[in-house]
PDB file of all heavy atoms in Angstrom:
ATOM      1  N   GLY A   1      -1.760  -6.795  15.773  1.00  0.00           N
ATOM      2  CA  GLY A   1      -2.766  -7.634  15.126  1.00  0.00           C
ATOM      3  C   GLY A   1      -3.688  -6.900  14.182  1.00  0.00           C
ATOM      4  O   GLY A   1      -4.536  -7.516  13.542  1.00  0.00           O
ATOM      5  N   CYS A   2      -3.512  -5.590  14.092  1.00  0.00           N
ATOM      6  CA  CYS A   2      -4.363  -4.760  13.250  1.00  0.00           C
ATOM      7  C   CYS A   2      -3.507  -3.983  12.263  1.00  0.00           C
ATOM      8  O   CYS A   2      -2.491  -3.384  12.651  1.00  0.00           O
ATOM      9  CB  CYS A   2      -5.182  -3.789  14.121  1.00  0.00           C
ATOM     10  SG  CYS A   2      -6.240  -2.665  13.206  1.00  0.00           S
ATOM     11  N   GLY A   3      -3.875  -3.992  10.990  1.00  0.00           N
ATOM     12  CA  GLY A   3      -3.127  -3.230  10.002  1.00  0.00           C
ATOM     13  C   GLY A   3      -3.149  -1.751  10.309  1.00  0.00           C
ATOM     14  O   GLY A   3      -4.018  -1.256  11.033  1.00  0.00           O
ATOM     15  N   ASP A   4      -2.186  -1.016   9.763  1.00  0.00           N
ATOM     16  CA  ASP A   4      -2.073   0.403  10.077  1.00  0.00           C
ATOM     17  C   ASP A   4      -1.465   1.149   8.896  1.00  0.00           C
ATOM     18  O   ASP A   4      -0.947   0.549   7.951  1.00  0.00           O
ATOM     19  CB  ASP A   4      -1.234   0.606  11.343  1.00  0.00           C
ATOM     20  CG  ASP A   4       0.019  -0.262  11.384  1.00  0.00           C
ATOM     21  OD1 ASP A   4       0.799  -0.207  10.404  1.00  0.00           O
ATOM     22  OD2 ASP A   4       0.200  -1.010  12.360  1.00  0.00           O
ATOM     23  N   PHE A   5      -1.530   2.475   8.951  1.00  0.00           N
ATOM     24  CA  PHE A   5      -0.996   3.287   7.858  1.00  0.00           C
ATOM     25  C   PHE A   5       0.517   3.152   7.736  1.00  0.00           C
ATOM     26  O   PHE A   5       1.071   3.251   6.641  1.00  0.00           O
ATOM     27  CB  PHE A   5      -1.394   4.754   8.037  1.00  0.00           C
ATOM     28  CG  PHE A   5      -2.729   5.085   7.439  1.00  0.00           C
ATOM     29  CD1 PHE A   5      -3.821   5.359   8.245  1.00  0.00           C
ATOM     30  CD2 PHE A   5      -2.910   5.100   6.064  1.00  0.00           C
ATOM     31  CE1 PHE A   5      -5.069   5.645   7.686  1.00  0.00           C
ATOM     32  CE2 PHE A   5      -4.137   5.382   5.489  1.00  0.00           C
ATOM     33  CZ  PHE A   5      -5.221   5.657   6.308  1.00  0.00           C
ATOM     34  N   GLU A   6       1.184   2.907   8.839  1.00  0.00           N
ATOM     35  CA  GLU A   6       2.629   2.709   8.761  1.00  0.00           C
ATOM     36  C   GLU A   6       2.944   1.432   7.980  1.00  0.00           C
ATOM     37  O   GLU A   6       3.850   1.406   7.135  1.00  0.00           O
ATOM     38  CB  GLU A   6       3.235   2.639  10.161  1.00  0.00           C
ATOM     39  CG  GLU A   6       4.745   2.655  10.155  1.00  0.00           C
ATOM     40  CD  GLU A   6       5.356   2.743  11.545  1.00  0.00           C
ATOM     41  OE1 GLU A   6       4.597   2.694  12.539  1.00  0.00           O
ATOM     42  OE2 GLU A   6       6.593   2.856  11.640  1.00  0.00           O
ATOM     43  N   GLY A   7       2.172   0.375   8.234  1.00  0.00           N
ATOM     44  CA  GLY A   7       2.369  -0.858   7.481  1.00  0.00           C
ATOM     45  C   GLY A   7       2.058  -0.680   6.007  1.00  0.00           C
ATOM     46  O   GLY A   7       2.777  -1.178   5.142  1.00  0.00           O
ATOM     47  N   LEU A   8       0.972   0.046   5.712  1.00  0.00           N
ATOM     48  CA  LEU A   8       0.617   0.309   4.320  1.00  0.00           C
ATOM     49  C   LEU A   8       1.726   1.089   3.620  1.00  0.00           C
ATOM     50  O   LEU A   8       2.063   0.796   2.464  1.00  0.00           O
ATOM     51  CB  LEU A   8      -0.699   1.084   4.268  1.00  0.00           C
ATOM     52  CG  LEU A   8      -1.205   1.524   2.893  1.00  0.00           C
ATOM     53  CD1 LEU A   8      -1.312   0.354   1.936  1.00  0.00           C
ATOM     54  CD2 LEU A   8      -2.543   2.240   3.036  1.00  0.00           C
ATOM     55  N   ALA A   9       2.303   2.044   4.314  1.00  0.00           N
ATOM     56  CA  ALA A   9       3.394   2.832   3.730  1.00  0.00           C
ATOM     57  C   ALA A   9       4.591   1.937   3.392  1.00  0.00           C
ATOM     58  O   ALA A   9       5.263   2.134   2.375  1.00  0.00           O
ATOM     59  CB  ALA A   9       3.812   3.937   4.688  1.00  0.00           C
ATOM     60  N   HIS A  10       4.844   0.934   4.224  1.00  0.00           N
ATOM     61  CA  HIS A  10       5.959   0.024   3.967  1.00  0.00           C
ATOM     62  C   HIS A  10       5.674  -0.969   2.841  1.00  0.00           C
ATOM     63  O   HIS A  10       6.592  -1.657   2.381  1.00  0.00           O
ATOM     64  CB  HIS A  10       6.320  -0.746   5.242  1.00  0.00           C
ATOM     65  CG  HIS A  10       7.184   0.033   6.193  1.00  0.00           C
ATOM     66  ND1 HIS A  10       6.667   0.883   7.143  1.00  0.00           N
ATOM     67  CD2 HIS A  10       8.526   0.118   6.318  1.00  0.00           C
ATOM     68  CE1 HIS A  10       7.652   1.440   7.833  1.00  0.00           C
ATOM     69  NE2 HIS A  10       8.798   0.992   7.353  1.00  0.00           N
ATOM     70  N   ARG A  11       4.440  -1.058   2.428  1.00  0.00           N
ATOM     71  CA  ARG A  11       4.092  -1.982   1.330  1.00  0.00           C
ATOM     72  C   ARG A  11       3.664  -1.225   0.071  1.00  0.00           C
ATOM     73  O   ARG A  11       3.194  -1.838  -0.885  1.00  0.00           O
ATOM     74  CB  ARG A  11       2.971  -2.925   1.779  1.00  0.00           C
ATOM     75  CG  ARG A  11       3.411  -3.934   2.835  1.00  0.00           C
ATOM     76  CD  ARG A  11       4.411  -4.920   2.247  1.00  0.00           C
ATOM     77  NE  ARG A  11       4.849  -5.920   3.220  1.00  0.00           N
ATOM     78  CZ  ARG A  11       5.973  -5.821   3.917  1.00  0.00           C
ATOM     79  NH1 ARG A  11       6.773  -4.767   3.746  1.00  0.00           N
ATOM     80  NH2 ARG A  11       6.317  -6.767   4.768  1.00  0.00           N
ATOM     81  N   ILE A  12       3.829   0.065   0.050  1.00  0.00           N
ATOM     82  CA  ILE A  12       3.358   0.854  -1.078  1.00  0.00           C
ATOM     83  C   ILE A  12       4.148   0.558  -2.352  1.00  0.00           C
ATOM     84  O   ILE A  12       3.631   0.674  -3.468  1.00  0.00           O
ATOM     85  CB  ILE A  12       3.397   2.361  -0.729  1.00  0.00           C
ATOM     86  CG1 ILE A  12       2.507   3.141  -1.698  1.00  0.00           C
ATOM     87  CG2 ILE A  12       4.823   2.893  -0.736  1.00  0.00           C
ATOM     88  CD1 ILE A  12       2.260   4.565  -1.265  1.00  0.00           C
ATOM     89  N   ASP A  13       5.405   0.125  -2.209  1.00  0.00           N
ATOM     90  CA  ASP A  13       6.189  -0.181  -3.407  1.00  0.00           C
ATOM     91  C   ASP A  13       5.684  -1.437  -4.109  1.00  0.00           C
ATOM     92  O   ASP A  13       5.871  -1.587  -5.318  1.00  0.00           O
ATOM     93  CB  ASP A  13       7.664  -0.321  -3.056  1.00  0.00           C
ATOM     94  CG  ASP A  13       8.297   1.033  -2.756  1.00  0.00           C
ATOM     95  OD1 ASP A  13       7.934   2.015  -3.437  1.00  0.00           O
ATOM     96  OD2 ASP A  13       9.122   1.125  -1.840  1.00  0.00           O
ATOM     97  N   HIS A  14       5.037  -2.339  -3.376  1.00  0.00           N
ATOM     98  CA  HIS A  14       4.384  -3.486  -4.029  1.00  0.00           C
ATOM     99  C   HIS A  14       3.305  -2.993  -4.983  1.00  0.00           C
ATOM    100  O   HIS A  14       3.181  -3.480  -6.112  1.00  0.00           O
ATOM    101  CB  HIS A  14       3.775  -4.421  -2.984  1.00  0.00           C
ATOM    102  CG  HIS A  14       2.759  -5.377  -3.538  1.00  0.00           C
ATOM    103  ND1 HIS A  14       3.087  -6.401  -4.399  1.00  0.00           N
ATOM    104  CD2 HIS A  14       1.404  -5.435  -3.381  1.00  0.00           C
ATOM    105  CE1 HIS A  14       1.978  -7.062  -4.742  1.00  0.00           C
ATOM    106  NE2 HIS A  14       0.945  -6.494  -4.149  1.00  0.00           N
ATOM    107  N   LEU A  15       2.538  -2.012  -4.539  1.00  0.00           N
ATOM    108  CA  LEU A  15       1.449  -1.482  -5.354  1.00  0.00           C
ATOM    109  C   LEU A  15       1.985  -0.712  -6.554  1.00  0.00           C
ATOM    110  O   LEU A  15       1.457  -0.811  -7.664  1.00  0.00           O
ATOM    111  CB  LEU A  15       0.554  -0.588  -4.502  1.00  0.00           C
ATOM    112  CG  LEU A  15      -0.120  -1.311  -3.323  1.00  0.00           C
ATOM    113  CD1 LEU A  15      -0.742  -0.315  -2.360  1.00  0.00           C
ATOM    114  CD2 LEU A  15      -1.159  -2.295  -3.825  1.00  0.00           C
ATOM    115  N   ALA A  16       3.054   0.039  -6.326  1.00  0.00           N
ATOM    116  CA  ALA A  16       3.669   0.770  -7.436  1.00  0.00           C
ATOM    117  C   ALA A  16       4.244  -0.198  -8.460  1.00  0.00           C
ATOM    118  O   ALA A  16       4.091  -0.005  -9.682  1.00  0.00           O
ATOM    119  CB  ALA A  16       4.756   1.700  -6.908  1.00  0.00           C
ATOM    120  N   ASP A  17       4.898  -1.251  -7.988  1.00  0.00           N
ATOM    121  CA  ASP A  17       5.473  -2.245  -8.899  1.00  0.00           C
ATOM    122  C   ASP A  17       4.392  -2.987  -9.673  1.00  0.00           C
ATOM    123  O   ASP A  17       4.589  -3.358 -10.838  1.00  0.00           O
ATOM    124  CB  ASP A  17       6.321  -3.243  -8.093  1.00  0.00           C
ATOM    125  CG  ASP A  17       7.021  -4.257  -8.978  1.00  0.00           C
ATOM    126  OD1 ASP A  17       7.798  -3.851  -9.849  1.00  0.00           O
ATOM    127  OD2 ASP A  17       6.787  -5.466  -8.789  1.00  0.00           O
ATOM    128  N   LEU A  18       3.242  -3.190  -9.046  1.00  0.00           N
ATOM    129  CA  LEU A  18       2.126  -3.857  -9.705  1.00  0.00           C
ATOM    130  C   LEU A  18       1.583  -3.018 -10.857  1.00  0.00           C
ATOM    131  O   LEU A  18       1.084  -3.558 -11.851  1.00  0.00           O
ATOM    132  CB  LEU A  18       1.023  -4.143  -8.685  1.00  0.00           C
ATOM    133  CG  LEU A  18      -0.208  -4.921  -9.145  1.00  0.00           C
ATOM    134  CD1 LEU A  18       0.168  -6.309  -9.652  1.00  0.00           C
ATOM    135  CD2 LEU A  18      -1.223  -5.026  -7.995  1.00  0.00           C
ATOM    136  N   GLY A  19       1.691  -1.699 -10.725  1.00  0.00           N
ATOM    137  CA  GLY A  19       1.187  -0.808 -11.759  1.00  0.00           C
ATOM    138  C   GLY A  19      -0.073  -0.059 -11.368  1.00  0.00           C
ATOM    139  O   GLY A  19      -0.699   0.593 -12.210  1.00  0.00           O
ATOM    140  N   VAL A  20      -0.459  -0.145 -10.101  1.00  0.00           N
ATOM    141  CA  VAL A  20      -1.648   0.552  -9.610  1.00  0.00           C
ATOM    142  C   VAL A  20      -1.454   2.060  -9.740  1.00  0.00           C
ATOM    143  O   VAL A  20      -0.376   2.585  -9.461  1.00  0.00           O
ATOM    144  CB  VAL A  20      -1.912   0.174  -8.142  1.00  0.00           C
ATOM    145  CG1 VAL A  20      -3.023   1.020  -7.537  1.00  0.00           C
ATOM    146  CG2 VAL A  20      -2.236  -1.312  -8.026  1.00  0.00           C
ATOM    147  N   THR A  21      -2.503   2.763 -10.155  1.00  0.00           N
ATOM    148  CA  THR A  21      -2.419   4.221 -10.285  1.00  0.00           C
ATOM    149  C   THR A  21      -3.395   4.951  -9.376  1.00  0.00           C
ATOM    150  O   THR A  21      -3.322   6.170  -9.240  1.00  0.00           O
ATOM    151  CB  THR A  21      -2.679   4.665 -11.734  1.00  0.00           C
ATOM    152  OG1 THR A  21      -4.021   4.330 -12.107  1.00  0.00           O
ATOM    153  CG2 THR A  21      -1.696   4.002 -12.685  1.00  0.00           C
ATOM    154  N   CYS A  22      -4.323   4.212  -8.765  1.00  0.00           N
ATOM    155  CA  CYS A  22      -5.297   4.843  -7.868  1.00  0.00           C
ATOM    156  C   CYS A  22      -5.633   3.876  -6.747  1.00  0.00           C
ATOM    157  O   CYS A  22      -6.090   2.750  -7.005  1.00  0.00           O
ATOM    158  CB  CYS A  22      -6.560   5.235  -8.632  1.00  0.00           C
ATOM    159  SG  CYS A  22      -7.853   5.977  -7.603  1.00  0.00           S
ATOM    160  N   LEU A  23      -5.428   4.292  -5.516  1.00  0.00           N
ATOM    161  CA  LEU A  23      -5.754   3.475  -4.353  1.00  0.00           C
ATOM    162  C   LEU A  23      -7.097   3.914  -3.782  1.00  0.00           C
ATOM    163  O   LEU A  23      -7.311   5.097  -3.517  1.00  0.00           O
ATOM    164  CB  LEU A  23      -4.681   3.607  -3.275  1.00  0.00           C
ATOM    165  CG  LEU A  23      -3.291   3.129  -3.659  1.00  0.00           C
ATOM    166  CD1 LEU A  23      -2.306   3.440  -2.541  1.00  0.00           C
ATOM    167  CD2 LEU A  23      -3.308   1.642  -3.949  1.00  0.00           C
ATOM    168  N   TRP A  24      -7.981   2.957  -3.611  1.00  0.00           N
ATOM    169  CA  TRP A  24      -9.272   3.220  -2.956  1.00  0.00           C
ATOM    170  C   TRP A  24      -9.196   2.609  -1.560  1.00  0.00           C
ATOM    171  O   TRP A  24      -9.083   1.402  -1.416  1.00  0.00           O
ATOM    172  CB  TRP A  24     -10.407   2.632  -3.790  1.00  0.00           C
ATOM    173  CG  TRP A  24     -11.674   2.306  -3.052  1.00  0.00           C
ATOM    174  CD1 TRP A  24     -12.129   2.833  -1.881  1.00  0.00           C
ATOM    175  CD2 TRP A  24     -12.651   1.342  -3.453  1.00  0.00           C
ATOM    176  NE1 TRP A  24     -13.326   2.267  -1.530  1.00  0.00           N
ATOM    177  CE2 TRP A  24     -13.673   1.359  -2.472  1.00  0.00           C
ATOM    178  CE3 TRP A  24     -12.775   0.488  -4.552  1.00  0.00           C
ATOM    179  CZ2 TRP A  24     -14.794   0.522  -2.553  1.00  0.00           C
ATOM    180  CZ3 TRP A  24     -13.895  -0.334  -4.632  1.00  0.00           C
ATOM    181  CH2 TRP A  24     -14.890  -0.304  -3.640  1.00  0.00           C
ATOM    182  N   LEU A  25      -9.255   3.469  -0.555  1.00  0.00           N
ATOM    183  CA  LEU A  25      -9.180   3.026   0.838  1.00  0.00           C
ATOM    184  C   LEU A  25     -10.581   2.843   1.402  1.00  0.00           C
ATOM    185  O   LEU A  25     -11.397   3.773   1.392  1.00  0.00           O
ATOM    186  CB  LEU A  25      -8.417   4.036   1.686  1.00  0.00           C
ATOM    187  CG  LEU A  25      -6.989   4.382   1.259  1.00  0.00           C
ATOM    188  CD1 LEU A  25      -6.342   5.302   2.300  1.00  0.00           C
ATOM    189  CD2 LEU A  25      -6.140   3.131   1.056  1.00  0.00           C
TER     190      LEU A  25
END
């Protein structure tokens, strides 16, 4: 029920495809 770094890693290609160049956590 809580997001995690493993989940973020599995969705990182969405961010790359979007064109993001800097992630602010």
